[in-house]
Structures are given as C-alpha cells and as structure tokens.
Amino acid sequence: MPPHTHGFLAPYLSLYIPWLYWGSLWWTVLGTIGTLTFSGRFVLQWLQSEKAKKVVVPTIFWHLSFWGSVMNTIYFLHLDAMPPILGNIFLPFLYGRNLYLLYKHQSIHSAGDTDGDK
C-alpha cells in the first residue's frame, strides 16, 4: 500500500522513511506488542512487590518501560497523531537514562565502591 502523506509529520518524514506510513497488519502487531510490553511492566512490578511484601521496582521494569516506549513511539509516529507522539517521544530517553544509571550504579558497587558518588 502506498504511504499516506497527510497528517502532522507525514509530509516531512514520508520523503525519507516512506515505510513508516505504509498500511499493514504489522503496524497493528507492533502497536499491540508495544502496549502489552509497556503495560506488562506494572503487572511484573506488582507481582514482585507482592512477593516481597513491600514496594519494589525490579530491573526488568525499566527494560520493559524502555522497549515498550520505543515500540509505542514508533507506532505513534506511524499513526501520525500529535497527542500520542508528544506524550511518548521523550519516554525512551528517560527510561534509557534510568537503565544507564542502574547499570552504572551496579558496576560501581560491584567494583567495591559503596558511596556511589563516582
């Protein structure tokens, strides 16, 4: 199916990445997987908290947040609607930064530094 060129970003992006605006069942699959990934993080966090009998945020929560937000952002770019794009465009960067800080903190502590300031 040829790409559509109407909408918020399509007139600009369709010249460079036309496949982003092709109609396909695969876009629905991507959007569904992104939503399930992003939403599933809360279920896993809830189960881990119930198991520990206190609020915990496991590392997998941040991975699911990152990858779910990446898939959702790509899907929302495909939909070419301003509200979901603006609501999600920064999330992969925020969750990516959280993963970076998490692994940086873990490597500092695994190296024997306990103050975490370096």
C-alpha atoms as a PDB file:
ATOM      1  CA  MET A   1       0.000   0.000   0.000  1.00  0.00           C
ATOM      2  CA  PRO A   2       1.435   3.433  -0.845  1.00  0.00           C
ATOM      3  CA  PRO A   3       2.337   5.700   2.058  1.00  0.00           C
ATOM      4  CA  HIS A   4      -0.051   8.420   3.140  1.00  0.00           C
ATOM      5  CA  THR A   5       1.295  11.971   3.178  1.00  0.00           C
ATOM      6  CA  HIS A   6      -1.314  13.743   5.288  1.00  0.00           C
ATOM      7  CA  GLY A   7      -1.067  14.376   8.999  1.00  0.00           C
ATOM      8  CA  PHE A   8       1.289  16.010  11.453  1.00  0.00           C
ATOM      9  CA  LEU A   9       4.702  14.668  10.347  1.00  0.00           C
ATOM     10  CA  ALA A  10       3.994  12.589   7.227  1.00  0.00           C
ATOM     11  CA  PRO A  11       4.582  15.442   4.753  1.00  0.00           C
ATOM     12  CA  TYR A  12       8.144  15.704   6.078  1.00  0.00           C
ATOM     13  CA  LEU A  13       9.093  12.168   7.114  1.00  0.00           C
ATOM     14  CA  SER A  14       7.467  10.239   4.262  1.00  0.00           C
ATOM     15  CA  LEU A  15      10.164  11.526   1.907  1.00  0.00           C
ATOM     16  CA  TYR A  16      12.900   9.896   3.987  1.00  0.00           C
ATOM     17  CA  ILE A  17      11.178   6.923   5.627  1.00  0.00           C
ATOM     18  CA  PRO A  18       8.136   6.085   3.482  1.00  0.00           C
ATOM     19  CA  TRP A  19       7.678   2.647   5.080  1.00  0.00           C
ATOM     20  CA  LEU A  20       6.675   4.426   8.308  1.00  0.00           C
ATOM     21  CA  TYR A  21       3.379   5.375   6.659  1.00  0.00           C
ATOM     22  CA  TRP A  22       2.564   2.173   4.767  1.00  0.00           C
ATOM     23  CA  GLY A  23      -0.621   0.485   5.843  1.00  0.00           C
ATOM     24  CA  SER A  24      -0.030  -3.012   7.143  1.00  0.00           C
ATOM     25  CA  LEU A  25      -1.178  -5.540   9.699  1.00  0.00           C
ATOM     26  CA  TRP A  26       2.391  -5.448  11.058  1.00  0.00           C
ATOM     27  CA  TRP A  27       1.804  -1.934  12.388  1.00  0.00           C
ATOM     28  CA  THR A  28      -1.121  -3.232  14.435  1.00  0.00           C
ATOM     29  CA  VAL A  29       1.051  -6.090  15.685  1.00  0.00           C
ATOM     30  CA  LEU A  30       3.845  -3.656  16.657  1.00  0.00           C
ATOM     31  CA  GLY A  31       1.390  -1.356  18.444  1.00  0.00           C
ATOM     32  CA  THR A  32      -0.141  -4.272  20.323  1.00  0.00           C
ATOM     33  CA  ILE A  33       3.226  -5.703  21.377  1.00  0.00           C
ATOM     34  CA  GLY A  34       4.387  -2.232  22.464  1.00  0.00           C
ATOM     35  CA  THR A  35       1.266  -1.691  24.548  1.00  0.00           C
ATOM     36  CA  LEU A  36       1.454  -5.139  26.140  1.00  0.00           C
ATOM     37  CA  THR A  37       5.159  -4.686  26.900  1.00  0.00           C
ATOM     38  CA  PHE A  38       4.654  -1.239  28.399  1.00  0.00           C
ATOM     39  CA  SER A  39       1.589  -2.284  30.409  1.00  0.00           C
ATOM     40  CA  GLY A  40       3.072  -5.626  31.448  1.00  0.00           C
ATOM     41  CA  ARG A  41       5.758  -3.859  33.430  1.00  0.00           C
ATOM     42  CA  PHE A  42       3.165  -2.881  36.033  1.00  0.00           C
ATOM     43  CA  VAL A  43       1.939  -6.450  36.392  1.00  0.00           C
ATOM     44  CA  LEU A  44       5.500  -7.709  36.940  1.00  0.00           C
ATOM     45  CA  GLN A  45       6.245  -4.892  39.383  1.00  0.00           C
ATOM     46  CA  TRP A  46       3.050  -5.648  41.286  1.00  0.00           C
ATOM     47  CA  LEU A  47       3.860  -9.384  41.450  1.00  0.00           C
ATOM     48  CA  GLN A  48       7.395  -8.676  42.687  1.00  0.00           C
ATOM     49  CA  SER A  49       6.044  -6.264  45.305  1.00  0.00           C
ATOM     50  CA  GLU A  50       3.503  -8.812  46.497  1.00  0.00           C
ATOM     51  CA  LYS A  51       6.226 -11.448  46.754  1.00  0.00           C
ATOM     52  CA  ALA A  52       8.496  -9.132  48.765  1.00  0.00           C
ATOM     53  CA  LYS A  53       5.594  -7.698  50.813  1.00  0.00           C
ATOM     54  CA  LYS A  54       6.922  -4.192  50.069  1.00  0.00           C
ATOM     55  CA  VAL A  55       7.133  -1.924  47.045  1.00  0.00           C
ATOM     56  CA  VAL A  56       9.990  -2.982  44.778  1.00  0.00           C
ATOM     57  CA  VAL A  57      10.952  -1.938  41.273  1.00  0.00           C
ATOM     58  CA  PRO A  58      12.842  -4.785  39.616  1.00  0.00           C
ATOM     59  CA  THR A  59      15.344  -4.170  36.819  1.00  0.00           C
ATOM     60  CA  ILE A  60      13.000  -5.804  34.291  1.00  0.00           C
ATOM     61  CA  PHE A  61      10.546  -2.957  34.947  1.00  0.00           C
ATOM     62  CA  TRP A  62      12.979  -0.488  33.382  1.00  0.00           C
ATOM     63  CA  HIS A  63      13.705  -2.766  30.425  1.00  0.00           C
ATOM     64  CA  LEU A  64      10.001  -3.206  29.718  1.00  0.00           C
ATOM     65  CA  SER A  65       9.491   0.548  30.141  1.00  0.00           C
ATOM     66  CA  PHE A  66      12.261   1.326  27.650  1.00  0.00           C
ATOM     67  CA  TRP A  67      11.354  -1.205  24.969  1.00  0.00           C
ATOM     68  CA  GLY A  68       7.603  -0.672  25.337  1.00  0.00           C
ATOM     69  CA  SER A  69       8.029   3.084  24.982  1.00  0.00           C
ATOM     70  CA  VAL A  70      10.302   2.636  21.928  1.00  0.00           C
ATOM     71  CA  MET A  71       7.715   0.425  20.198  1.00  0.00           C
ATOM     72  CA  ASN A  72       4.851   2.723  21.179  1.00  0.00           C
ATOM     73  CA  THR A  73       6.701   5.813  19.952  1.00  0.00           C
ATOM     74  CA  ILE A  74       7.401   4.199  16.583  1.00  0.00           C
ATOM     75  CA  TYR A  75       3.775   3.111  16.341  1.00  0.00           C
ATOM     76  CA  PHE A  76       2.547   6.594  17.256  1.00  0.00           C
ATOM     77  CA  LEU A  77       4.825   8.080  14.589  1.00  0.00           C
ATOM     78  CA  HIS A  78       3.127   5.707  12.155  1.00  0.00           C
ATOM     79  CA  LEU A  79      -0.306   6.914  13.324  1.00  0.00           C
ATOM     80  CA  ASP A  80       0.941  10.488  12.857  1.00  0.00           C
ATOM     81  CA  ALA A  81      -1.187  11.980  15.623  1.00  0.00           C
ATOM     82  CA  MET A  82       0.322  14.787  17.664  1.00  0.00           C
ATOM     83  CA  PRO A  83      -1.016  13.983  21.186  1.00  0.00           C
ATOM     84  CA  PRO A  84       0.382  10.438  21.499  1.00  0.00           C
ATOM     85  CA  ILE A  85       3.643  11.432  19.783  1.00  0.00           C
ATOM     86  CA  LEU A  86       4.213  14.337  22.160  1.00  0.00           C
ATOM     87  CA  GLY A  87       3.153  12.202  25.126  1.00  0.00           C
ATOM     88  CA  ASN A  88       5.686   9.476  24.321  1.00  0.00           C
ATOM     89  CA  ILE A  89       8.587  10.950  22.383  1.00  0.00           C
ATOM     90  CA  PHE A  90      10.752  11.579  25.453  1.00  0.00           C
ATOM     91  CA  LEU A  91       9.955   8.364  27.330  1.00  0.00           C
ATOM     92  CA  PRO A  92      12.610   6.161  25.655  1.00  0.00           C
ATOM     93  CA  PHE A  93      15.251   8.737  26.619  1.00  0.00           C
ATOM     94  CA  LEU A  94      14.050   8.876  30.229  1.00  0.00           C
ATOM     95  CA  TYR A  95      13.870   5.108  30.627  1.00  0.00           C
ATOM     96  CA  GLY A  96      17.170   4.678  28.788  1.00  0.00           C
ATOM     97  CA  ARG A  97      18.766   7.091  31.232  1.00  0.00           C
ATOM     98  CA  ASN A  98      17.306   5.120  34.155  1.00  0.00           C
ATOM     99  CA  LEU A  99      18.818   1.922  32.736  1.00  0.00           C
ATOM    100  CA  TYR A 100      22.167   3.659  32.300  1.00  0.00           C
ATOM    101  CA  LEU A 101      22.106   4.891  35.910  1.00  0.00           C
ATOM    102  CA  LEU A 102      21.003   1.486  37.149  1.00  0.00           C
ATOM    103  CA  TYR A 103      23.870  -0.340  35.439  1.00  0.00           C
ATOM    104  CA  LYS A 104      26.360   2.387  36.313  1.00  0.00           C
ATOM    105  CA  HIS A 105      25.332   2.101  39.968  1.00  0.00           C
ATOM    106  CA  GLN A 106      25.586  -1.701  39.854  1.00  0.00           C
ATOM    107  CA  SER A 107      29.075  -1.609  38.327  1.00  0.00           C
ATOM    108  CA  ILE A 108      30.251   0.899  40.945  1.00  0.00           C
ATOM    109  CA  HIS A 109      29.037  -1.338  43.750  1.00  0.00           C
ATOM    110  CA  SER A 110      30.413  -4.482  42.145  1.00  0.00           C
ATOM    111  CA  ALA A 111      33.824  -2.753  41.995  1.00  0.00           C
ATOM    112  CA  GLY A 112      33.742  -2.266  45.768  1.00  0.00           C
ATOM    113  CA  ASP A 113      32.800   1.435  45.903  1.00  0.00           C
ATOM    114  CA  THR A 114      29.992   1.857  48.418  1.00  0.00           C
ATOM    115  CA  ASP A 115      29.478   5.611  48.332  1.00  0.00           C
ATOM    116  CA  GLY A 116      28.161   5.632  44.732  1.00  0.00           C
ATOM    117  CA  ASP A 117      29.445   9.144  44.045  1.00  0.00           C
ATOM    118  CA  LYS A 118      31.973   8.293  41.375  1.00  0.00           C
END
